[in-house]
Amino acid sequence: MNKIVLIGCGNVGMAYAYALINQDLNIDELILIDTDINKLQGKVMDLDHCIANISNKINVRIGDYSDCKDANIVCVTAGPTQSATKTSRMEDLYKANEIFHSIIPSIAGSGFSGIYLIASNPLDVMTYVTWKYAKCNPYKVIGSGTLLDTARLKYVLSERKNIPIQKIDGYVLGEHGDSQFITWSNINVKNITLNEKLEIADEVKKLGFTVGKYQGFTCYGIASSLTRITKAILFDEKIVLPVSSYDEKTGIYISTPSKIGINGIEETRIMNLSDTENEEFENSVRTICTAIGNL
């Protein structure tokens, strides 16, 4: 039986829950946990009204931390409220840490031994914090990382170069934040000038805040990324995705191409970087380490 517990049922959490219901992932139970029980009751009822129109039956219900014990995945999207006025994900550092200090020990205390899937900002720091508070195998903690940034990169390249998005290969790596970088040495789209590369990198980095400016928040892109990671875990796909995973060399969580299966992260750093990209990676490492140090 496949069971997923979702903690934090705001815009991101509910977009993820809706995506899970509408894909055939062999999920038997979807448990929702949030502080606003009254509103959560309505959300569960709304999701229940989807069941008749899909091919599989999922039991969606309100739960508590004891439900984590036998779950395959616990996904945490809880965190400070998104705002159109924020210009850096690091603005949420201290508040997010307070929230995780309450949530993660409660999950671990249930006896949970599955995969932690994290989508709260600042993403790489919160993924690291999860590992520290959970005191678990570091490879069973996965952050959504730069999978979303990579999707945004492919979208931008597709629009600029008129190439089908499914035919574009390449990654955004490093921090899910200001120090992220594009692996131009591995992008399969050619004839991109240096000026274009700079423009594209800046656009991709700012796209989340652009969406937030118009909508007030982001949710569908990250929900799609979380769903993709969930599928990789439940189906033991051994697929390589750019997610925030434990890096033995640095002792932190940072996005590198990582092989994902039913037991979590199986392998990391699955690609060669240019000298410039290695320098950019080290810059991301320093950024994340500084934030961790500030806590």
C-alpha atoms as a PDB file:
ATOM      1  CA  MET A   1       0.000   0.000   0.000  1.00  0.00           C
ATOM      2  CA  ASN A   2       1.333   3.408  -0.976  1.00  0.00           C
ATOM      3  CA  LYS A   3       0.678   6.190   1.491  1.00  0.00           C
ATOM      4  CA  ILE A   4       1.683   9.842   1.279  1.00  0.00           C
ATOM      5  CA  VAL A   5       1.399  12.395   4.061  1.00  0.00           C
ATOM      6  CA  LEU A   6       1.329  16.066   3.090  1.00  0.00           C
ATOM      7  CA  ILE A   7       2.182  18.657   5.727  1.00  0.00           C
ATOM      8  CA  GLY A   8       1.241  22.210   4.814  1.00  0.00           C
ATOM      9  CA  CYS A   9      -1.914  22.599   2.726  1.00  0.00           C
ATOM     10  CA  GLY A  10      -1.548  26.073   1.278  1.00  0.00           C
ATOM     11  CA  ASN A  11      -1.306  26.869  -2.432  1.00  0.00           C
ATOM     12  CA  VAL A  12       1.716  24.626  -3.061  1.00  0.00           C
ATOM     13  CA  GLY A  13       0.472  21.738  -0.951  1.00  0.00           C
ATOM     14  CA  MET A  14      -2.966  21.661  -2.512  1.00  0.00           C
ATOM     15  CA  ALA A  15      -1.596  21.931  -6.054  1.00  0.00           C
ATOM     16  CA  TYR A  16       0.592  18.908  -5.240  1.00  0.00           C
ATOM     17  CA  ALA A  17      -2.351  17.003  -3.749  1.00  0.00           C
ATOM     18  CA  TYR A  18      -4.471  17.716  -6.819  1.00  0.00           C
ATOM     19  CA  ALA A  19      -1.648  16.610  -9.134  1.00  0.00           C
ATOM     20  CA  LEU A  20      -1.230  13.346  -7.203  1.00  0.00           C
ATOM     21  CA  ILE A  21      -4.924  12.552  -7.519  1.00  0.00           C
ATOM     22  CA  ASN A  22      -4.907  13.148 -11.259  1.00  0.00           C
ATOM     23  CA  GLN A  23      -1.965  10.888 -12.054  1.00  0.00           C
ATOM     24  CA  ASP A  24      -1.986   7.116 -11.856  1.00  0.00           C
ATOM     25  CA  LEU A  25       0.670   6.699  -9.169  1.00  0.00           C
ATOM     26  CA  ASN A  26      -0.901   3.760  -7.317  1.00  0.00           C
ATOM     27  CA  ILE A  27      -1.436   5.874  -4.221  1.00  0.00           C
ATOM     28  CA  ASP A  28      -3.891   4.325  -1.758  1.00  0.00           C
ATOM     29  CA  GLU A  29      -3.919   6.998   0.926  1.00  0.00           C
ATOM     30  CA  LEU A  30      -3.272  10.732   0.881  1.00  0.00           C
ATOM     31  CA  ILE A  31      -3.192  12.236   4.372  1.00  0.00           C
ATOM     32  CA  LEU A  32      -3.379  15.994   4.829  1.00  0.00           C
ATOM     33  CA  ILE A  33      -2.055  17.845   7.886  1.00  0.00           C
ATOM     34  CA  ASP A  34      -2.419  21.578   8.500  1.00  0.00           C
ATOM     35  CA  THR A  35      -3.015  23.963  11.391  1.00  0.00           C
ATOM     36  CA  ASP A  36      -6.306  25.328   9.984  1.00  0.00           C
ATOM     37  CA  ILE A  37      -8.567  22.294  10.482  1.00  0.00           C
ATOM     38  CA  ASN A  38     -11.790  24.002   9.379  1.00  0.00           C
ATOM     39  CA  LYS A  39     -10.379  25.093   6.047  1.00  0.00           C
ATOM     40  CA  LEU A  40      -8.658  21.729   5.659  1.00  0.00           C
ATOM     41  CA  GLN A  41     -12.000  19.946   5.980  1.00  0.00           C
ATOM     42  CA  GLY A  42     -13.260  21.854   2.963  1.00  0.00           C
ATOM     43  CA  LYS A  43     -10.139  21.066   0.972  1.00  0.00           C
ATOM     44  CA  VAL A  44     -10.438  17.343   1.689  1.00  0.00           C
ATOM     45  CA  MET A  45     -14.090  17.386   0.625  1.00  0.00           C
ATOM     46  CA  ASP A  46     -13.174  19.239  -2.576  1.00  0.00           C
ATOM     47  CA  LEU A  47     -10.515  16.644  -3.409  1.00  0.00           C
ATOM     48  CA  ASP A  48     -12.935  13.825  -2.628  1.00  0.00           C
ATOM     49  CA  HIS A  49     -15.234  15.188  -5.309  1.00  0.00           C
ATOM     50  CA  CYS A  50     -12.523  14.467  -7.899  1.00  0.00           C
ATOM     51  CA  ILE A  51     -12.449  10.745  -7.219  1.00  0.00           C
ATOM     52  CA  ALA A  52     -15.440   9.808  -9.371  1.00  0.00           C
ATOM     53  CA  ASN A  53     -13.705  11.182 -12.464  1.00  0.00           C
ATOM     54  CA  ILE A  54     -10.409   9.324 -12.136  1.00  0.00           C
ATOM     55  CA  SER A  55      -9.435   5.701 -12.676  1.00  0.00           C
ATOM     56  CA  ASN A  56      -8.102   4.917  -9.209  1.00  0.00           C
ATOM     57  CA  LYS A  57      -9.576   5.233  -5.743  1.00  0.00           C
ATOM     58  CA  ILE A  58      -7.554   7.288  -3.298  1.00  0.00           C
ATOM     59  CA  ASN A  59      -8.565   7.667   0.310  1.00  0.00           C
ATOM     60  CA  VAL A  60      -8.052  11.370   1.093  1.00  0.00           C
ATOM     61  CA  ARG A  61      -8.458  12.395   4.711  1.00  0.00           C
ATOM     62  CA  ILE A  62      -7.292  14.702   7.484  1.00  0.00           C
ATOM     63  CA  GLY A  63      -4.630  13.153   9.696  1.00  0.00           C
ATOM     64  CA  ASP A  64      -2.039  13.871  12.352  1.00  0.00           C
ATOM     65  CA  TYR A  65       1.637  13.091  12.853  1.00  0.00           C
ATOM     66  CA  SER A  66       0.938   9.524  13.959  1.00  0.00           C
ATOM     67  CA  ASP A  67      -0.130   8.851  10.355  1.00  0.00           C
ATOM     68  CA  CYS A  68       3.472   9.370   9.241  1.00  0.00           C
ATOM     69  CA  LYS A  69       4.634   6.114  10.823  1.00  0.00           C
ATOM     70  CA  ASP A  70       3.810   3.819   7.897  1.00  0.00           C
ATOM     71  CA  ALA A  71       3.931   6.386   5.074  1.00  0.00           C
ATOM     72  CA  ASN A  72       6.159   5.932   2.031  1.00  0.00           C
ATOM     73  CA  ILE A  73       6.696   9.665   1.645  1.00  0.00           C
ATOM     74  CA  VAL A  74       6.110  12.663   3.889  1.00  0.00           C
ATOM     75  CA  CYS A  75       6.080  15.841   1.823  1.00  0.00           C
ATOM     76  CA  VAL A  76       6.562  19.128   3.675  1.00  0.00           C
ATOM     77  CA  THR A  77       5.407  22.302   1.944  1.00  0.00           C
ATOM     78  CA  ALA A  78       4.709  24.207   5.173  1.00  0.00           C
ATOM     79  CA  GLY A  79       6.541  27.482   5.594  1.00  0.00           C
ATOM     80  CA  PRO A  80       6.172  31.246   5.767  1.00  0.00           C
ATOM     81  CA  THR A  81       3.454  32.693   3.542  1.00  0.00           C
ATOM     82  CA  GLN A  82       4.574  33.587   0.028  1.00  0.00           C
ATOM     83  CA  SER A  83       4.507  37.278  -0.814  1.00  0.00           C
ATOM     84  CA  ALA A  84       4.785  39.259  -4.035  1.00  0.00           C
ATOM     85  CA  THR A  85       7.093  41.707  -2.228  1.00  0.00           C
ATOM     86  CA  LYS A  86       9.832  39.195  -1.424  1.00  0.00           C
ATOM     87  CA  THR A  87      12.979  39.368  -3.536  1.00  0.00           C
ATOM     88  CA  SER A  88      15.009  36.521  -2.007  1.00  0.00           C
ATOM     89  CA  ARG A  89      14.090  33.075  -0.686  1.00  0.00           C
ATOM     90  CA  MET A  90      16.568  33.632   2.156  1.00  0.00           C
ATOM     91  CA  GLU A  91      14.166  36.194   3.663  1.00  0.00           C
ATOM     92  CA  ASP A  92      12.228  33.273   5.143  1.00  0.00           C
ATOM     93  CA  LEU A  93      15.262  31.617   6.775  1.00  0.00           C
ATOM     94  CA  TYR A  94      14.568  32.140  10.481  1.00  0.00           C
ATOM     95  CA  LYS A  95      10.791  31.774  10.358  1.00  0.00           C
ATOM     96  CA  ALA A  96      11.080  28.613   8.264  1.00  0.00           C
ATOM     97  CA  ASN A  97      13.546  27.162  10.754  1.00  0.00           C
ATOM     98  CA  GLU A  98      11.104  27.782  13.607  1.00  0.00           C
ATOM     99  CA  ILE A  99       8.369  25.956  11.696  1.00  0.00           C
ATOM    100  CA  PHE A 100      10.621  22.992  10.880  1.00  0.00           C
ATOM    101  CA  HIS A 101      11.832  22.806  14.466  1.00  0.00           C
ATOM    102  CA  SER A 102       8.243  21.962  15.359  1.00  0.00           C
ATOM    103  CA  ILE A 103       7.291  19.798  12.382  1.00  0.00           C
ATOM    104  CA  ILE A 104      10.263  17.528  11.693  1.00  0.00           C
ATOM    105  CA  PRO A 105      10.742  16.061  15.204  1.00  0.00           C
ATOM    106  CA  SER A 106       7.009  15.309  15.242  1.00  0.00           C
ATOM    107  CA  ILE A 107       7.357  13.347  12.004  1.00  0.00           C
ATOM    108  CA  ALA A 108      10.448  11.492  13.215  1.00  0.00           C
ATOM    109  CA  GLY A 109       8.795  10.810  16.569  1.00  0.00           C
ATOM    110  CA  SER A 110       6.046   8.838  14.857  1.00  0.00           C
ATOM    111  CA  GLY A 111       8.577   6.195  13.838  1.00  0.00           C
ATOM    112  CA  PHE A 112       8.601   7.314  10.211  1.00  0.00           C
ATOM    113  CA  SER A 113      11.304   5.592   8.158  1.00  0.00           C
ATOM    114  CA  GLY A 114      10.329   6.622   4.622  1.00  0.00           C
ATOM    115  CA  ILE A 115      11.404   9.488   2.372  1.00  0.00           C
ATOM    116  CA  TYR A 116      11.224  13.143   3.402  1.00  0.00           C
ATOM    117  CA  LEU A 117      10.341  15.325   0.392  1.00  0.00           C
ATOM    118  CA  ILE A 118      10.902  19.032   1.063  1.00  0.00           C
ATOM    119  CA  ALA A 119       9.579  22.044  -0.847  1.00  0.00           C
ATOM    120  CA  SER A 120       9.897  24.902   1.651  1.00  0.00           C
ATOM    121  CA  ASN A 121      12.192  27.886   1.165  1.00  0.00           C
ATOM    122  CA  PRO A 122      15.033  28.523   1.538  1.00  0.00           C
ATOM    123  CA  LEU A 123      14.964  25.073   0.011  1.00  0.00           C
ATOM    124  CA  ASP A 124      18.494  23.737   0.390  1.00  0.00           C
ATOM    125  CA  VAL A 125      18.845  24.987   3.962  1.00  0.00           C
ATOM    126  CA  MET A 126      15.453  23.560   4.963  1.00  0.00           C
ATOM    127  CA  THR A 127      16.373  20.212   3.424  1.00  0.00           C
ATOM    128  CA  TYR A 128      19.562  20.217   5.497  1.00  0.00           C
ATOM    129  CA  VAL A 129      17.582  21.270   8.593  1.00  0.00           C
ATOM    130  CA  THR A 130      15.175  18.376   8.005  1.00  0.00           C
ATOM    131  CA  TRP A 131      18.053  15.899   8.064  1.00  0.00           C
ATOM    132  CA  LYS A 132      19.482  17.412  11.249  1.00  0.00           C
ATOM    133  CA  TYR A 133      16.147  17.460  13.106  1.00  0.00           C
ATOM    134  CA  ALA A 134      15.067  14.022  11.836  1.00  0.00           C
ATOM    135  CA  LYS A 135      18.428  12.378  12.644  1.00  0.00           C
ATOM    136  CA  CYS A 136      17.870   9.981   9.757  1.00  0.00           C
ATOM    137  CA  ASN A 137      19.753   8.539   6.792  1.00  0.00           C
ATOM    138  CA  PRO A 138      20.753  11.664   4.785  1.00  0.00           C
ATOM    139  CA  TYR A 139      19.872   9.987   1.500  1.00  0.00           C
ATOM    140  CA  LYS A 140      16.247   9.623   2.604  1.00  0.00           C
ATOM    141  CA  VAL A 141      15.827  13.399   2.556  1.00  0.00           C
ATOM    142  CA  ILE A 142      15.200  15.010  -0.832  1.00  0.00           C
ATOM    143  CA  GLY A 143      14.591  18.656  -1.623  1.00  0.00           C
ATOM    144  CA  SER A 144      12.786  19.703  -4.797  1.00  0.00           C
ATOM    145  CA  GLY A 145      15.944  21.681  -5.562  1.00  0.00           C
ATOM    146  CA  THR A 146      16.510  23.073  -9.041  1.00  0.00           C
ATOM    147  CA  LEU A 147      14.139  20.682 -10.797  1.00  0.00           C
ATOM    148  CA  LEU A 148      11.696  23.587 -11.080  1.00  0.00           C
ATOM    149  CA  ASP A 149      14.434  25.984 -12.228  1.00  0.00           C
ATOM    150  CA  THR A 150      15.450  23.427 -14.852  1.00  0.00           C
ATOM    151  CA  ALA A 151      11.848  23.255 -16.091  1.00  0.00           C
ATOM    152  CA  ARG A 152      11.824  27.052 -16.326  1.00  0.00           C
ATOM    153  CA  LEU A 153      15.099  26.990 -18.265  1.00  0.00           C
ATOM    154  CA  LYS A 154      13.659  24.525 -20.774  1.00  0.00           C
ATOM    155  CA  TYR A 155      10.572  26.716 -21.149  1.00  0.00           C
ATOM    156  CA  VAL A 156      12.662  29.838 -21.825  1.00  0.00           C
ATOM    157  CA  LEU A 157      14.906  28.042 -24.328  1.00  0.00           C
ATOM    158  CA  SER A 158      11.882  26.551 -26.065  1.00  0.00           C
ATOM    159  CA  GLU A 159      10.262  29.976 -26.433  1.00  0.00           C
ATOM    160  CA  ARG A 160      13.432  31.732 -27.578  1.00  0.00           C
ATOM    161  CA  LYS A 161      14.679  29.065 -29.976  1.00  0.00           C
ATOM    162  CA  ASN A 162      11.355  27.590 -31.116  1.00  0.00           C
ATOM    163  CA  ILE A 163      12.388  24.094 -30.063  1.00  0.00           C
ATOM    164  CA  PRO A 164       9.940  21.542 -28.582  1.00  0.00           C
ATOM    165  CA  ILE A 165      10.495  21.667 -24.826  1.00  0.00           C
ATOM    166  CA  GLN A 166      10.689  17.860 -24.568  1.00  0.00           C
ATOM    167  CA  LYS A 167      13.765  17.846 -26.829  1.00  0.00           C
ATOM    168  CA  ILE A 168      15.812  20.168 -24.619  1.00  0.00           C
ATOM    169  CA  ASP A 169      18.362  18.616 -22.250  1.00  0.00           C
ATOM    170  CA  GLY A 170      20.352  20.419 -19.596  1.00  0.00           C
ATOM    171  CA  TYR A 171      20.258  21.504 -15.991  1.00  0.00           C
ATOM    172  CA  VAL A 172      20.128  24.370 -13.593  1.00  0.00           C
ATOM    173  CA  LEU A 173      22.210  23.318 -10.575  1.00  0.00           C
ATOM    174  CA  GLY A 174      23.451  24.605  -7.233  1.00  0.00           C
ATOM    175  CA  GLU A 175      21.256  26.557  -4.850  1.00  0.00           C
ATOM    176  CA  HIS A 176      17.540  26.929  -5.484  1.00  0.00           C
ATOM    177  CA  GLY A 177      18.104  30.645  -5.191  1.00  0.00           C
ATOM    178  CA  ASP A 178      20.276  33.539  -6.292  1.00  0.00           C
ATOM    179  CA  SER A 179      23.496  31.535  -6.754  1.00  0.00           C
ATOM    180  CA  GLN A 180      22.003  28.900  -9.061  1.00  0.00           C
ATOM    181  CA  PHE A 181      23.742  28.374 -12.407  1.00  0.00           C
ATOM    182  CA  ILE A 182      23.066  26.818 -15.806  1.00  0.00           C
ATOM    183  CA  THR A 183      25.306  23.996 -17.050  1.00  0.00           C
ATOM    184  CA  TRP A 184      25.861  25.483 -20.482  1.00  0.00           C
ATOM    185  CA  SER A 185      28.593  22.936 -21.207  1.00  0.00           C
ATOM    186  CA  ASN A 186      25.925  20.205 -21.176  1.00  0.00           C
ATOM    187  CA  ILE A 187      22.990  22.014 -22.825  1.00  0.00           C
ATOM    188  CA  ASN A 188      22.052  20.390 -26.139  1.00  0.00           C
ATOM    189  CA  VAL A 189      20.818  23.688 -27.645  1.00  0.00           C
ATOM    190  CA  LYS A 190      23.591  25.261 -29.691  1.00  0.00           C
ATOM    191  CA  ASN A 191      24.372  28.704 -31.142  1.00  0.00           C
ATOM    192  CA  ILE A 192      23.546  30.638 -27.975  1.00  0.00           C
ATOM    193  CA  THR A 193      25.606  33.801 -27.679  1.00  0.00           C
ATOM    194  CA  LEU A 194      27.253  34.901 -24.430  1.00  0.00           C
ATOM    195  CA  ASN A 195      24.821  37.810 -24.153  1.00  0.00           C
ATOM    196  CA  GLU A 196      21.880  35.438 -24.622  1.00  0.00           C
ATOM    197  CA  LYS A 197      23.258  33.136 -21.941  1.00  0.00           C
ATOM    198  CA  LEU A 198      23.440  36.003 -19.479  1.00  0.00           C
ATOM    199  CA  GLU A 199      19.903  37.125 -20.326  1.00  0.00           C
ATOM    200  CA  ILE A 200      18.506  33.598 -20.047  1.00  0.00           C
ATOM    201  CA  ALA A 201      20.232  32.911 -16.737  1.00  0.00           C
ATOM    202  CA  ASP A 202      18.855  36.133 -15.270  1.00  0.00           C
ATOM    203  CA  GLU A 203      15.346  35.456 -16.589  1.00  0.00           C
ATOM    204  CA  VAL A 204      15.269  31.895 -15.245  1.00  0.00           C
ATOM    205  CA  LYS A 205      16.539  33.039 -11.842  1.00  0.00           C
ATOM    206  CA  LYS A 206      13.803  35.677 -11.572  1.00  0.00           C
ATOM    207  CA  LEU A 207      10.884  33.727 -13.061  1.00  0.00           C
ATOM    208  CA  GLY A 208       9.527  32.569  -9.705  1.00  0.00           C
ATOM    209  CA  PHE A 209       9.359  36.142  -8.470  1.00  0.00           C
ATOM    210  CA  THR A 210       7.806  37.229 -11.780  1.00  0.00           C
ATOM    211  CA  VAL A 211       5.024  34.685 -11.328  1.00  0.00           C
ATOM    212  CA  GLY A 212       4.627  35.824  -7.727  1.00  0.00           C
ATOM    213  CA  LYS A 213       4.350  39.440  -8.816  1.00  0.00           C
ATOM    214  CA  TYR A 214       1.309  38.668 -10.966  1.00  0.00           C
ATOM    215  CA  GLN A 215      -0.302  35.831  -9.032  1.00  0.00           C
ATOM    216  CA  GLY A 216       0.894  36.511  -5.498  1.00  0.00           C
ATOM    217  CA  PHE A 217       2.417  33.033  -5.214  1.00  0.00           C
ATOM    218  CA  THR A 218       3.730  30.097  -7.233  1.00  0.00           C
ATOM    219  CA  CYS A 219       2.257  26.609  -6.988  1.00  0.00           C
ATOM    220  CA  TYR A 220       1.720  24.639 -10.206  1.00  0.00           C
ATOM    221  CA  GLY A 221       5.341  24.447 -11.343  1.00  0.00           C
ATOM    222  CA  ILE A 222       6.619  23.278  -7.979  1.00  0.00           C
ATOM    223  CA  ALA A 223       3.687  20.863  -7.602  1.00  0.00           C
ATOM    224  CA  SER A 224       4.634  19.293 -10.936  1.00  0.00           C
ATOM    225  CA  SER A 225       8.236  18.912  -9.758  1.00  0.00           C
ATOM    226  CA  LEU A 226       7.152  17.291  -6.492  1.00  0.00           C
ATOM    227  CA  THR A 227       4.884  14.917  -8.384  1.00  0.00           C
ATOM    228  CA  ARG A 228       7.734  13.930 -10.701  1.00  0.00           C
ATOM    229  CA  ILE A 229       9.987  13.145  -7.718  1.00  0.00           C
ATOM    230  CA  THR A 230       7.158  11.222  -6.053  1.00  0.00           C
ATOM    231  CA  LYS A 231       6.743   9.069  -9.158  1.00  0.00           C
ATOM    232  CA  ALA A 232      10.488   8.378  -9.258  1.00  0.00           C
ATOM    233  CA  ILE A 233      10.351   7.139  -5.664  1.00  0.00           C
ATOM    234  CA  LEU A 234       7.165   5.068  -5.800  1.00  0.00           C
ATOM    235  CA  PHE A 235       8.093   3.355  -9.070  1.00  0.00           C
ATOM    236  CA  ASP A 236      11.781   2.946  -8.155  1.00  0.00           C
ATOM    237  CA  GLU A 237      12.681   4.556 -11.480  1.00  0.00           C
ATOM    238  CA  LYS A 238      16.411   5.119 -10.872  1.00  0.00           C
ATOM    239  CA  ILE A 239      15.989   8.315 -12.874  1.00  0.00           C
ATOM    240  CA  VAL A 240      18.454  11.204 -12.671  1.00  0.00           C
ATOM    241  CA  LEU A 241      16.903  14.542 -11.656  1.00  0.00           C
ATOM    242  CA  PRO A 242      18.429  17.829 -10.425  1.00  0.00           C
ATOM    243  CA  VAL A 243      17.234  17.735  -6.815  1.00  0.00           C
ATOM    244  CA  SER A 244      18.672  18.949  -3.537  1.00  0.00           C
ATOM    245  CA  SER A 245      20.471  15.922  -2.130  1.00  0.00           C
ATOM    246  CA  TYR A 246      23.121  15.260   0.485  1.00  0.00           C
ATOM    247  CA  ASP A 247      26.600  15.993  -0.827  1.00  0.00           C
ATOM    248  CA  GLU A 248      29.292  14.012   0.993  1.00  0.00           C
ATOM    249  CA  LYS A 249      32.088  16.343  -0.104  1.00  0.00           C
ATOM    250  CA  THR A 250      30.512  19.459   1.410  1.00  0.00           C
ATOM    251  CA  GLY A 251      28.201  18.013   4.086  1.00  0.00           C
ATOM    252  CA  ILE A 252      25.236  20.074   2.882  1.00  0.00           C
ATOM    253  CA  TYR A 253      22.227  19.664   0.601  1.00  0.00           C
ATOM    254  CA  ILE A 254      22.583  21.159  -2.845  1.00  0.00           C
ATOM    255  CA  SER A 255      21.188  20.382  -6.297  1.00  0.00           C
ATOM    256  CA  THR A 256      23.266  18.021  -8.384  1.00  0.00           C
ATOM    257  CA  PRO A 257      22.070  15.410 -10.911  1.00  0.00           C
ATOM    258  CA  SER A 258      20.938  12.665  -8.540  1.00  0.00           C
ATOM    259  CA  LYS A 259      19.653   9.134  -9.121  1.00  0.00           C
ATOM    260  CA  ILE A 260      16.324   8.597  -7.327  1.00  0.00           C
ATOM    261  CA  GLY A 261      14.716   5.291  -6.387  1.00  0.00           C
ATOM    262  CA  ILE A 262      12.443   3.753  -3.804  1.00  0.00           C
ATOM    263  CA  ASN A 263      15.025   4.181  -1.035  1.00  0.00           C
ATOM    264  CA  GLY A 264      15.764   7.814  -1.844  1.00  0.00           C
ATOM    265  CA  ILE A 265      18.983   9.161  -3.338  1.00  0.00           C
ATOM    266  CA  GLU A 266      21.245   6.445  -4.752  1.00  0.00           C
ATOM    267  CA  GLU A 267      23.955   8.503  -6.439  1.00  0.00           C
ATOM    268  CA  THR A 268      24.871  12.194  -6.831  1.00  0.00           C
ATOM    269  CA  ARG A 269      27.085  14.435  -8.977  1.00  0.00           C
ATOM    270  CA  ILE A 270      26.285  12.409 -12.093  1.00  0.00           C
ATOM    271  CA  MET A 271      27.868  14.741 -14.657  1.00  0.00           C
ATOM    272  CA  ASN A 272      31.066  16.599 -15.461  1.00  0.00           C
ATOM    273  CA  LEU A 273      31.167  20.365 -15.074  1.00  0.00           C
ATOM    274  CA  SER A 274      33.421  22.885 -16.767  1.00  0.00           C
ATOM    275  CA  ASP A 275      35.951  24.834 -14.689  1.00  0.00           C
ATOM    276  CA  THR A 276      33.643  27.851 -14.671  1.00  0.00           C
ATOM    277  CA  GLU A 277      30.669  25.732 -13.611  1.00  0.00           C
ATOM    278  CA  ASN A 278      32.709  24.176 -10.798  1.00  0.00           C
ATOM    279  CA  GLU A 279      33.457  27.690  -9.557  1.00  0.00           C
ATOM    280  CA  GLU A 280      29.750  28.531  -9.710  1.00  0.00           C
ATOM    281  CA  PHE A 281      28.951  25.353  -7.815  1.00  0.00           C
ATOM    282  CA  GLU A 282      31.413  26.320  -5.087  1.00  0.00           C
ATOM    283  CA  ASN A 283      29.776  29.752  -4.895  1.00  0.00           C
ATOM    284  CA  SER A 284      26.431  28.042  -4.252  1.00  0.00           C
ATOM    285  CA  VAL A 285      28.077  25.883  -1.587  1.00  0.00           C
ATOM    286  CA  ARG A 286      29.370  28.993   0.176  1.00  0.00           C
ATOM    287  CA  THR A 287      25.935  30.650   0.004  1.00  0.00           C
ATOM    288  CA  ILE A 288      24.182  27.650   1.551  1.00  0.00           C
ATOM    289  CA  CYS A 289      26.891  27.154   4.183  1.00  0.00           C
ATOM    290  CA  THR A 290      26.631  30.806   5.216  1.00  0.00           C
ATOM    291  CA  ALA A 291      22.875  30.513   5.670  1.00  0.00           C
ATOM    292  CA  ILE A 292      23.263  27.337   7.715  1.00  0.00           C
ATOM    293  CA  GLY A 293      25.884  29.069   9.815  1.00  0.00           C
ATOM    294  CA  ASN A 294      23.474  31.950  10.469  1.00  0.00           C
ATOM    295  CA  LEU A 295      21.072  29.498  12.108  1.00  0.00           C
END
